[in-house]
């Protein structure tokens, strides 16, 4: 079960979301200055030591993870010639429906994710309306929703595939 790409995929997405969170933190922590007058235009972007280390580390790690993820997709495509995947497709990779059972499992997991968003999006919107939050906290809230989506999906897929395995 652990080698099944349908189980691994949400974990990869969660890792990319966490990497994007580190990237967002480092970029939103930067000091910026914009001068726009009739005589000159300049923009400066300054990162502190920790934030610059975090920025370059998260970018590097994202490229490494991206390369490993691409190799996993290539391996999946070699094993499943009729169900080839690409990192750039419009249809989400969650829909790796290789049989009717997996279609049912995906539908159940998607229903739980949809139910989560029905409640989470209005709550997040209310929080943003009531509290004056910085750009980072808005991005962070959206990333938490994305992370929760994949956690819900992963737990549901894992539960059903574990039942099938037993």
N, C-alpha and C. Protein backbone atom coordinates (compact mmCIF):
# COMPACT_ATOMS: atom_id res chain seq x y z
N UNK A 1 0.82 -1.19 0.00
CA UNK A 1 0.00 0.00 0.00
C UNK A 1 0.86 1.26 0.00
N UNK A 2 1.96 1.25 0.74
CA UNK A 2 2.80 2.44 0.84
C UNK A 2 3.45 2.81 -0.49
N UNK A 3 3.62 1.83 -1.37
CA UNK A 3 4.23 2.11 -2.67
C UNK A 3 3.21 2.58 -3.69
N UNK A 4 1.93 2.52 -3.35
CA UNK A 4 0.87 2.94 -4.24
C UNK A 4 0.91 4.46 -4.38
N UNK A 5 1.02 4.94 -5.60
CA UNK A 5 1.13 6.38 -5.84
C UNK A 5 -0.12 7.13 -5.40
N UNK A 6 -1.27 6.45 -5.38
CA UNK A 6 -2.51 7.08 -4.93
C UNK A 6 -2.43 7.46 -3.46
N UNK A 7 -1.64 6.72 -2.69
CA UNK A 7 -1.44 7.02 -1.28
C UNK A 7 -0.32 8.05 -1.10
N UNK A 8 0.71 7.95 -1.91
CA UNK A 8 1.86 8.86 -1.79
C UNK A 8 1.54 10.27 -2.26
N UNK A 9 0.69 10.41 -3.28
CA UNK A 9 0.46 11.72 -3.90
C UNK A 9 0.05 12.80 -2.90
N UNK A 10 -0.94 12.56 -2.01
CA UNK A 10 -1.29 13.63 -1.07
C UNK A 10 -0.13 14.02 -0.15
N UNK A 11 0.73 13.07 0.18
CA UNK A 11 1.88 13.39 1.02
C UNK A 11 2.83 14.33 0.29
N UNK A 12 3.01 14.10 -1.02
CA UNK A 12 3.85 14.99 -1.82
C UNK A 12 3.24 16.40 -1.86
N UNK A 13 1.94 16.48 -2.04
CA UNK A 13 1.30 17.79 -2.08
C UNK A 13 1.45 18.52 -0.75
N UNK A 14 1.32 17.79 0.36
CA UNK A 14 1.50 18.41 1.67
C UNK A 14 2.92 18.94 1.83
N UNK A 15 3.90 18.20 1.35
CA UNK A 15 5.29 18.66 1.44
C UNK A 15 5.48 19.95 0.63
N UNK A 16 4.90 20.01 -0.57
CA UNK A 16 5.02 21.22 -1.39
C UNK A 16 4.31 22.40 -0.74
N UNK A 17 3.18 22.16 -0.09
CA UNK A 17 2.47 23.24 0.61
C UNK A 17 3.31 23.77 1.76
N UNK A 18 3.94 22.89 2.51
CA UNK A 18 4.81 23.32 3.62
C UNK A 18 5.99 24.13 3.07
N UNK A 19 6.58 23.68 1.98
CA UNK A 19 7.68 24.43 1.36
C UNK A 19 7.21 25.82 0.92
N UNK A 20 6.03 25.90 0.35
CA UNK A 20 5.49 27.19 -0.06
C UNK A 20 5.24 28.08 1.16
N UNK A 21 4.85 27.48 2.29
CA UNK A 21 4.67 28.24 3.52
C UNK A 21 5.97 28.88 3.99
N UNK A 22 7.07 28.13 3.94
CA UNK A 22 8.38 28.69 4.30
C UNK A 22 8.77 29.80 3.33
N UNK A 23 8.51 29.58 2.05
CA UNK A 23 8.80 30.60 1.05
C UNK A 23 7.97 31.86 1.30
N UNK A 24 6.69 31.69 1.59
CA UNK A 24 5.82 32.84 1.86
C UNK A 24 6.28 33.59 3.10
N UNK A 25 6.68 32.85 4.15
CA UNK A 25 7.15 33.51 5.36
C UNK A 25 8.38 34.37 5.08
N UNK A 26 9.33 33.81 4.34
CA UNK A 26 10.56 34.55 4.10
C UNK A 26 10.31 35.78 3.21
N UNK A 27 9.44 35.65 2.22
CA UNK A 27 9.17 36.78 1.32
C UNK A 27 8.35 37.86 2.02
N UNK A 28 7.35 37.47 2.81
CA UNK A 28 6.53 38.48 3.48
C UNK A 28 7.26 39.13 4.65
N UNK A 29 8.36 38.52 5.11
CA UNK A 29 9.15 39.13 6.17
C UNK A 29 10.17 40.13 5.64
N UNK A 30 10.29 40.22 4.35
CA UNK A 30 11.27 41.12 3.74
C UNK A 30 10.86 42.57 3.93
N UNK A 31 11.86 43.42 3.98
CA UNK A 31 11.63 44.86 4.03
C UNK A 31 11.64 45.38 2.60
N UNK A 32 10.60 46.09 2.24
CA UNK A 32 10.52 46.63 0.88
C UNK A 32 10.38 48.14 0.95
N UNK A 33 10.88 48.79 -0.08
CA UNK A 33 10.76 50.24 -0.19
C UNK A 33 10.50 50.57 -1.65
N UNK A 34 9.48 51.38 -1.86
CA UNK A 34 9.11 51.77 -3.22
C UNK A 34 9.19 53.29 -3.30
N UNK A 35 9.94 53.76 -4.26
CA UNK A 35 10.02 55.20 -4.55
C UNK A 35 9.51 55.38 -5.97
N UNK A 36 8.44 56.11 -6.09
CA UNK A 36 7.84 56.34 -7.40
C UNK A 36 7.48 57.82 -7.50
N UNK A 37 8.36 58.56 -8.11
CA UNK A 37 8.11 59.99 -8.30
C UNK A 37 8.30 60.32 -9.77
N UNK A 38 8.12 61.58 -10.09
CA UNK A 38 8.29 61.98 -11.49
C UNK A 38 9.75 61.90 -11.91
N UNK A 39 10.66 61.98 -10.95
CA UNK A 39 12.09 61.96 -11.26
C UNK A 39 12.71 60.56 -11.26
N UNK A 40 12.19 59.68 -10.41
CA UNK A 40 12.81 58.36 -10.32
C UNK A 40 11.81 57.29 -9.91
N UNK A 41 12.20 56.07 -10.20
CA UNK A 41 11.45 54.90 -9.76
C UNK A 41 12.46 53.89 -9.24
N UNK A 42 12.27 53.47 -8.01
CA UNK A 42 13.14 52.43 -7.47
C UNK A 42 12.35 51.56 -6.50
N UNK A 43 12.79 50.34 -6.42
CA UNK A 43 12.16 49.37 -5.53
C UNK A 43 13.27 48.57 -4.90
N UNK A 44 13.25 48.48 -3.58
CA UNK A 44 14.26 47.67 -2.91
C UNK A 44 13.59 46.58 -2.10
N UNK A 45 14.25 45.46 -2.05
CA UNK A 45 13.76 44.26 -1.38
C UNK A 45 14.91 43.75 -0.54
N UNK A 46 14.75 43.76 0.79
CA UNK A 46 15.85 43.38 1.67
C UNK A 46 15.41 42.28 2.62
N UNK A 47 16.18 41.23 2.64
CA UNK A 47 15.93 40.10 3.53
C UNK A 47 16.96 40.08 4.65
N UNK A 48 16.51 39.75 5.84
CA UNK A 48 17.43 39.56 6.95
C UNK A 48 18.13 38.21 6.77
N UNK A 49 19.12 37.94 7.59
CA UNK A 49 19.91 36.71 7.45
C UNK A 49 19.09 35.44 7.51
N UNK A 50 18.24 35.32 8.53
CA UNK A 50 17.44 34.11 8.69
C UNK A 50 16.45 33.94 7.53
N UNK A 51 15.79 35.04 7.17
CA UNK A 51 14.80 34.97 6.09
C UNK A 51 15.44 34.63 4.75
N UNK A 52 16.63 35.18 4.49
CA UNK A 52 17.29 34.86 3.21
C UNK A 52 17.74 33.40 3.19
N UNK A 53 18.22 32.89 4.33
CA UNK A 53 18.58 31.48 4.41
C UNK A 53 17.35 30.60 4.20
N UNK A 54 16.25 30.98 4.82
CA UNK A 54 15.00 30.24 4.67
C UNK A 54 14.49 30.29 3.24
N UNK A 55 14.59 31.44 2.60
CA UNK A 55 14.15 31.59 1.21
C UNK A 55 14.95 30.69 0.28
N UNK A 56 16.25 30.79 0.33
CA UNK A 56 17.08 29.99 -0.57
C UNK A 56 17.03 28.50 -0.22
N UNK A 57 16.91 28.19 1.06
CA UNK A 57 16.76 26.80 1.46
C UNK A 57 15.45 26.20 0.97
N UNK A 58 14.35 26.95 1.11
CA UNK A 58 13.06 26.42 0.66
C UNK A 58 12.99 26.32 -0.85
N UNK A 59 13.60 27.26 -1.57
CA UNK A 59 13.63 27.18 -3.03
C UNK A 59 14.45 25.96 -3.46
N UNK A 60 15.61 25.78 -2.85
CA UNK A 60 16.46 24.63 -3.20
C UNK A 60 15.76 23.31 -2.90
N UNK A 61 15.17 23.22 -1.71
CA UNK A 61 14.48 22.00 -1.33
C UNK A 61 13.26 21.73 -2.22
N UNK A 62 12.58 22.79 -2.64
CA UNK A 62 11.44 22.63 -3.55
C UNK A 62 11.89 22.08 -4.90
N UNK A 63 13.02 22.55 -5.42
CA UNK A 63 13.54 22.01 -6.67
C UNK A 63 13.94 20.55 -6.52
N UNK A 64 14.55 20.21 -5.40
CA UNK A 64 14.94 18.82 -5.15
C UNK A 64 13.70 17.94 -5.05
N UNK A 65 12.72 18.38 -4.26
CA UNK A 65 11.47 17.62 -4.14
C UNK A 65 10.77 17.51 -5.49
N UNK A 66 10.79 18.58 -6.27
CA UNK A 66 10.17 18.57 -7.59
C UNK A 66 10.82 17.54 -8.51
N UNK A 67 12.14 17.44 -8.45
CA UNK A 67 12.84 16.46 -9.28
C UNK A 67 12.50 15.04 -8.84
N UNK A 68 12.45 14.80 -7.54
CA UNK A 68 12.10 13.46 -7.03
C UNK A 68 10.64 13.14 -7.40
N UNK A 69 9.76 14.12 -7.26
CA UNK A 69 8.35 13.93 -7.61
C UNK A 69 8.20 13.62 -9.10
N UNK A 70 8.95 14.32 -9.94
CA UNK A 70 8.91 14.05 -11.39
C UNK A 70 9.38 12.63 -11.69
N UNK A 71 10.39 12.17 -10.96
CA UNK A 71 10.87 10.80 -11.19
C UNK A 71 9.82 9.78 -10.73
N UNK A 72 9.09 10.09 -9.65
CA UNK A 72 8.01 9.21 -9.19
C UNK A 72 6.90 9.14 -10.23
N UNK A 73 6.57 10.27 -10.84
CA UNK A 73 5.54 10.29 -11.88
C UNK A 73 6.02 9.48 -13.08
N UNK A 74 7.29 9.64 -13.46
CA UNK A 74 7.84 8.87 -14.58
C UNK A 74 7.78 7.37 -14.29
N UNK A 75 8.10 6.98 -13.07
CA UNK A 75 8.03 5.57 -12.67
C UNK A 75 6.59 5.07 -12.74
N UNK A 76 5.65 5.89 -12.26
CA UNK A 76 4.23 5.52 -12.33
C UNK A 76 3.79 5.36 -13.78
N UNK A 77 4.23 6.25 -14.65
CA UNK A 77 3.85 6.18 -16.07
C UNK A 77 4.40 4.94 -16.75
N UNK A 78 5.59 4.49 -16.35
CA UNK A 78 6.15 3.26 -16.91
C UNK A 78 5.36 2.03 -16.47
N UNK A 79 4.86 2.07 -15.25
CA UNK A 79 4.11 0.93 -14.71
C UNK A 79 2.65 0.92 -15.16
N UNK A 80 2.09 2.09 -15.46
CA UNK A 80 0.68 2.21 -15.84
C UNK A 80 0.59 2.94 -17.18
N UNK A 81 0.81 2.21 -18.25
CA UNK A 81 0.88 2.81 -19.58
C UNK A 81 -0.44 3.46 -20.01
N UNK A 82 -1.57 2.98 -19.51
CA UNK A 82 -2.86 3.55 -19.91
C UNK A 82 -3.29 4.69 -19.00
N UNK A 83 -2.59 4.92 -17.91
CA UNK A 83 -2.96 5.95 -16.94
C UNK A 83 -1.79 6.91 -16.71
N UNK A 84 -1.24 7.44 -17.79
CA UNK A 84 -0.08 8.32 -17.67
C UNK A 84 -0.48 9.64 -17.01
N UNK A 85 0.46 10.16 -16.22
CA UNK A 85 0.27 11.41 -15.49
C UNK A 85 1.29 12.44 -15.94
N UNK A 86 0.97 13.68 -15.71
CA UNK A 86 1.93 14.75 -15.91
C UNK A 86 1.78 15.73 -14.75
N UNK A 87 2.84 16.40 -14.41
CA UNK A 87 2.79 17.38 -13.33
C UNK A 87 1.98 18.61 -13.73
N UNK A 88 1.76 18.80 -15.00
CA UNK A 88 1.16 20.04 -15.50
C UNK A 88 -0.28 19.86 -15.98
N UNK A 89 -0.90 18.74 -15.69
CA UNK A 89 -2.26 18.53 -16.17
C UNK A 89 -3.26 19.36 -15.39
N UNK A 90 -4.39 19.65 -16.01
CA UNK A 90 -5.43 20.45 -15.37
C UNK A 90 -6.22 19.61 -14.38
N UNK A 91 -6.51 18.39 -14.74
CA UNK A 91 -7.25 17.48 -13.87
C UNK A 91 -6.37 17.08 -12.70
N UNK A 92 -6.87 17.22 -11.47
CA UNK A 92 -6.04 16.89 -10.30
C UNK A 92 -5.59 15.44 -10.32
N UNK A 93 -4.39 15.22 -9.83
CA UNK A 93 -3.84 13.87 -9.78
C UNK A 93 -4.55 12.98 -8.76
N UNK A 94 -5.39 13.57 -7.91
CA UNK A 94 -6.13 12.76 -6.96
C UNK A 94 -7.02 11.75 -7.67
N UNK A 95 -7.41 12.06 -8.89
CA UNK A 95 -8.32 11.19 -9.62
C UNK A 95 -7.55 10.12 -10.39
N UNK A 96 -6.79 9.33 -9.66
CA UNK A 96 -6.06 8.20 -10.24
C UNK A 96 -6.98 6.98 -10.17
N UNK A 97 -8.06 7.05 -10.90
CA UNK A 97 -9.10 6.02 -10.81
C UNK A 97 -8.76 4.88 -11.75
N UNK A 98 -8.20 3.84 -11.20
CA UNK A 98 -7.79 2.72 -12.02
C UNK A 98 -8.84 1.61 -12.05
N UNK A 99 -9.86 1.74 -11.22
CA UNK A 99 -10.95 0.79 -11.23
C UNK A 99 -12.17 1.43 -10.57
N UNK A 100 -13.30 0.70 -10.59
CA UNK A 100 -14.52 1.26 -10.01
C UNK A 100 -14.40 1.46 -8.51
N UNK A 101 -13.69 0.58 -7.85
CA UNK A 101 -13.50 0.73 -6.40
C UNK A 101 -12.76 2.01 -6.07
N UNK A 102 -11.71 2.31 -6.84
CA UNK A 102 -10.95 3.54 -6.59
C UNK A 102 -11.79 4.77 -6.92
N UNK A 103 -12.65 4.67 -7.91
CA UNK A 103 -13.55 5.78 -8.23
C UNK A 103 -14.46 6.07 -7.04
N UNK A 104 -14.97 5.03 -6.42
CA UNK A 104 -15.82 5.19 -5.25
C UNK A 104 -15.05 5.80 -4.08
N UNK A 105 -13.84 5.31 -3.86
CA UNK A 105 -13.01 5.83 -2.77
C UNK A 105 -12.69 7.31 -2.99
N UNK A 106 -12.33 7.65 -4.21
CA UNK A 106 -12.02 9.05 -4.54
C UNK A 106 -13.24 9.94 -4.32
N UNK A 107 -14.41 9.44 -4.73
CA UNK A 107 -15.63 10.23 -4.57
C UNK A 107 -15.92 10.47 -3.09
N UNK A 108 -15.76 9.44 -2.25
CA UNK A 108 -16.00 9.59 -0.82
C UNK A 108 -15.01 10.58 -0.20
N UNK A 109 -13.76 10.48 -0.59
CA UNK A 109 -12.75 11.40 -0.06
C UNK A 109 -13.03 12.83 -0.52
N UNK A 110 -13.40 12.99 -1.79
CA UNK A 110 -13.71 14.33 -2.32
C UNK A 110 -14.94 14.92 -1.62
N UNK A 111 -15.92 14.09 -1.27
CA UNK A 111 -17.09 14.58 -0.54
C UNK A 111 -16.68 15.12 0.83
N UNK A 112 -15.78 14.43 1.49
CA UNK A 112 -15.33 14.90 2.81
C UNK A 112 -14.55 16.21 2.68
N UNK A 113 -13.73 16.32 1.65
CA UNK A 113 -12.98 17.56 1.43
C UNK A 113 -13.94 18.70 1.11
N UNK A 114 -14.93 18.43 0.27
CA UNK A 114 -15.92 19.46 -0.08
C UNK A 114 -16.68 19.91 1.17
N UNK A 115 -17.07 18.98 2.03
CA UNK A 115 -17.76 19.32 3.27
C UNK A 115 -16.87 20.19 4.15
N UNK A 116 -15.59 19.87 4.21
CA UNK A 116 -14.65 20.69 4.97
C UNK A 116 -14.61 22.12 4.45
N UNK A 117 -14.53 22.27 3.13
CA UNK A 117 -14.46 23.61 2.55
C UNK A 117 -15.75 24.39 2.72
N UNK A 118 -16.89 23.71 2.74
CA UNK A 118 -18.17 24.39 2.94
C UNK A 118 -18.17 25.13 4.28
N UNK A 119 -17.50 24.57 5.28
CA UNK A 119 -17.43 25.20 6.60
C UNK A 119 -16.18 26.06 6.77
N UNK A 120 -15.07 25.62 6.25
CA UNK A 120 -13.80 26.31 6.50
C UNK A 120 -13.70 27.65 5.77
N UNK A 121 -14.16 27.72 4.54
CA UNK A 121 -14.04 28.98 3.78
C UNK A 121 -14.83 30.12 4.41
N UNK A 122 -16.09 29.92 4.82
CA UNK A 122 -16.79 31.02 5.50
C UNK A 122 -16.14 31.42 6.83
N UNK A 123 -15.63 30.43 7.56
CA UNK A 123 -14.96 30.75 8.84
C UNK A 123 -13.70 31.57 8.57
N UNK A 124 -12.91 31.17 7.60
CA UNK A 124 -11.69 31.91 7.27
C UNK A 124 -12.03 33.32 6.78
N UNK A 125 -13.07 33.43 5.98
CA UNK A 125 -13.50 34.75 5.51
C UNK A 125 -13.93 35.63 6.68
N UNK A 126 -14.67 35.09 7.61
CA UNK A 126 -15.10 35.86 8.79
C UNK A 126 -13.90 36.31 9.61
N UNK A 127 -12.92 35.44 9.77
CA UNK A 127 -11.71 35.81 10.51
C UNK A 127 -11.01 36.97 9.82
N UNK A 128 -10.90 36.90 8.49
CA UNK A 128 -10.23 37.97 7.75
C UNK A 128 -11.02 39.28 7.80
N UNK A 129 -12.34 39.19 7.89
CA UNK A 129 -13.15 40.40 7.97
C UNK A 129 -13.08 41.04 9.36
N UNK A 130 -13.03 40.24 10.39
CA UNK A 130 -13.05 40.74 11.76
C UNK A 130 -11.68 41.25 12.21
N UNK A 131 -10.64 40.52 11.86
CA UNK A 131 -9.30 40.87 12.32
C UNK A 131 -8.49 41.48 11.19
N UNK A 132 -7.72 42.48 11.52
CA UNK A 132 -6.82 43.08 10.53
C UNK A 132 -5.52 42.29 10.54
N UNK A 133 -5.37 41.45 9.54
CA UNK A 133 -4.23 40.55 9.50
C UNK A 133 -3.29 40.95 8.37
N UNK A 134 -2.03 40.61 8.54
CA UNK A 134 -1.04 40.90 7.52
C UNK A 134 -1.20 39.94 6.34
N UNK A 135 -0.54 40.24 5.28
CA UNK A 135 -0.57 39.41 4.08
C UNK A 135 -0.09 37.99 4.38
N UNK A 136 0.93 37.87 5.23
CA UNK A 136 1.44 36.54 5.57
C UNK A 136 0.35 35.68 6.21
N UNK A 137 -0.41 36.23 7.17
CA UNK A 137 -1.43 35.43 7.85
C UNK A 137 -2.56 35.05 6.91
N UNK A 138 -2.83 35.88 5.93
CA UNK A 138 -3.84 35.50 4.92
C UNK A 138 -3.34 34.34 4.07
N UNK A 139 -2.09 34.43 3.64
CA UNK A 139 -1.50 33.33 2.87
C UNK A 139 -1.42 32.08 3.72
N UNK A 140 -1.02 32.23 4.97
CA UNK A 140 -0.91 31.11 5.89
C UNK A 140 -2.26 30.42 6.07
N UNK A 141 -3.34 31.19 6.21
CA UNK A 141 -4.68 30.61 6.35
C UNK A 141 -5.08 29.79 5.14
N UNK A 142 -4.78 30.31 3.96
CA UNK A 142 -5.09 29.58 2.72
C UNK A 142 -4.25 28.30 2.64
N UNK A 143 -2.98 28.38 3.03
CA UNK A 143 -2.13 27.19 3.02
C UNK A 143 -2.60 26.14 4.03
N UNK A 144 -3.10 26.58 5.17
CA UNK A 144 -3.65 25.64 6.15
C UNK A 144 -4.86 24.91 5.56
N UNK A 145 -5.72 25.66 4.85
CA UNK A 145 -6.86 25.01 4.20
C UNK A 145 -6.40 23.98 3.18
N UNK A 146 -5.40 24.34 2.38
CA UNK A 146 -4.88 23.41 1.37
C UNK A 146 -4.26 22.18 2.04
N UNK A 147 -3.53 22.40 3.12
CA UNK A 147 -2.93 21.29 3.85
C UNK A 147 -4.01 20.38 4.44
N UNK A 148 -5.03 20.98 5.02
CA UNK A 148 -6.12 20.19 5.59
C UNK A 148 -6.84 19.38 4.52
N UNK A 149 -7.00 19.96 3.33
CA UNK A 149 -7.63 19.24 2.23
C UNK A 149 -6.90 17.94 1.95
N UNK A 150 -5.58 18.00 1.85
CA UNK A 150 -4.81 16.80 1.55
C UNK A 150 -4.73 15.84 2.74
N UNK A 151 -4.77 16.37 3.95
CA UNK A 151 -4.80 15.48 5.13
C UNK A 151 -6.10 14.68 5.14
N UNK A 152 -7.22 15.36 4.91
CA UNK A 152 -8.52 14.68 4.86
C UNK A 152 -8.52 13.64 3.74
N UNK A 153 -8.07 14.04 2.57
CA UNK A 153 -8.04 13.14 1.42
C UNK A 153 -7.13 11.93 1.70
N UNK A 154 -5.94 12.19 2.24
CA UNK A 154 -4.98 11.12 2.52
C UNK A 154 -5.54 10.12 3.53
N UNK A 155 -6.12 10.62 4.62
CA UNK A 155 -6.64 9.72 5.64
C UNK A 155 -7.78 8.86 5.09
N UNK A 156 -8.61 9.44 4.25
CA UNK A 156 -9.72 8.68 3.68
C UNK A 156 -9.21 7.62 2.70
N UNK A 157 -8.31 7.99 1.82
CA UNK A 157 -7.75 7.03 0.86
C UNK A 157 -7.03 5.90 1.59
N UNK A 158 -6.23 6.28 2.57
CA UNK A 158 -5.46 5.27 3.32
C UNK A 158 -6.39 4.30 4.05
N UNK A 159 -7.47 4.84 4.62
CA UNK A 159 -8.42 3.99 5.34
C UNK A 159 -9.03 2.94 4.40
N UNK A 160 -9.48 3.36 3.24
CA UNK A 160 -10.12 2.43 2.32
C UNK A 160 -9.12 1.44 1.71
N UNK A 161 -7.95 1.92 1.35
CA UNK A 161 -6.97 1.01 0.77
C UNK A 161 -6.44 0.01 1.81
N UNK A 162 -6.39 0.42 3.06
CA UNK A 162 -5.97 -0.50 4.12
C UNK A 162 -7.03 -1.59 4.32
N UNK A 163 -8.33 -1.21 4.22
CA UNK A 163 -9.41 -2.20 4.33
C UNK A 163 -9.34 -3.21 3.20
N UNK A 164 -9.04 -2.73 1.99
CA UNK A 164 -8.94 -3.61 0.83
C UNK A 164 -7.75 -4.54 0.98
N UNK A 165 -6.66 -4.04 1.55
CA UNK A 165 -5.45 -4.83 1.72
C UNK A 165 -5.63 -5.95 2.74
N UNK A 166 -6.41 -5.67 3.79
CA UNK A 166 -6.62 -6.66 4.87
C UNK A 166 -7.53 -7.75 4.41
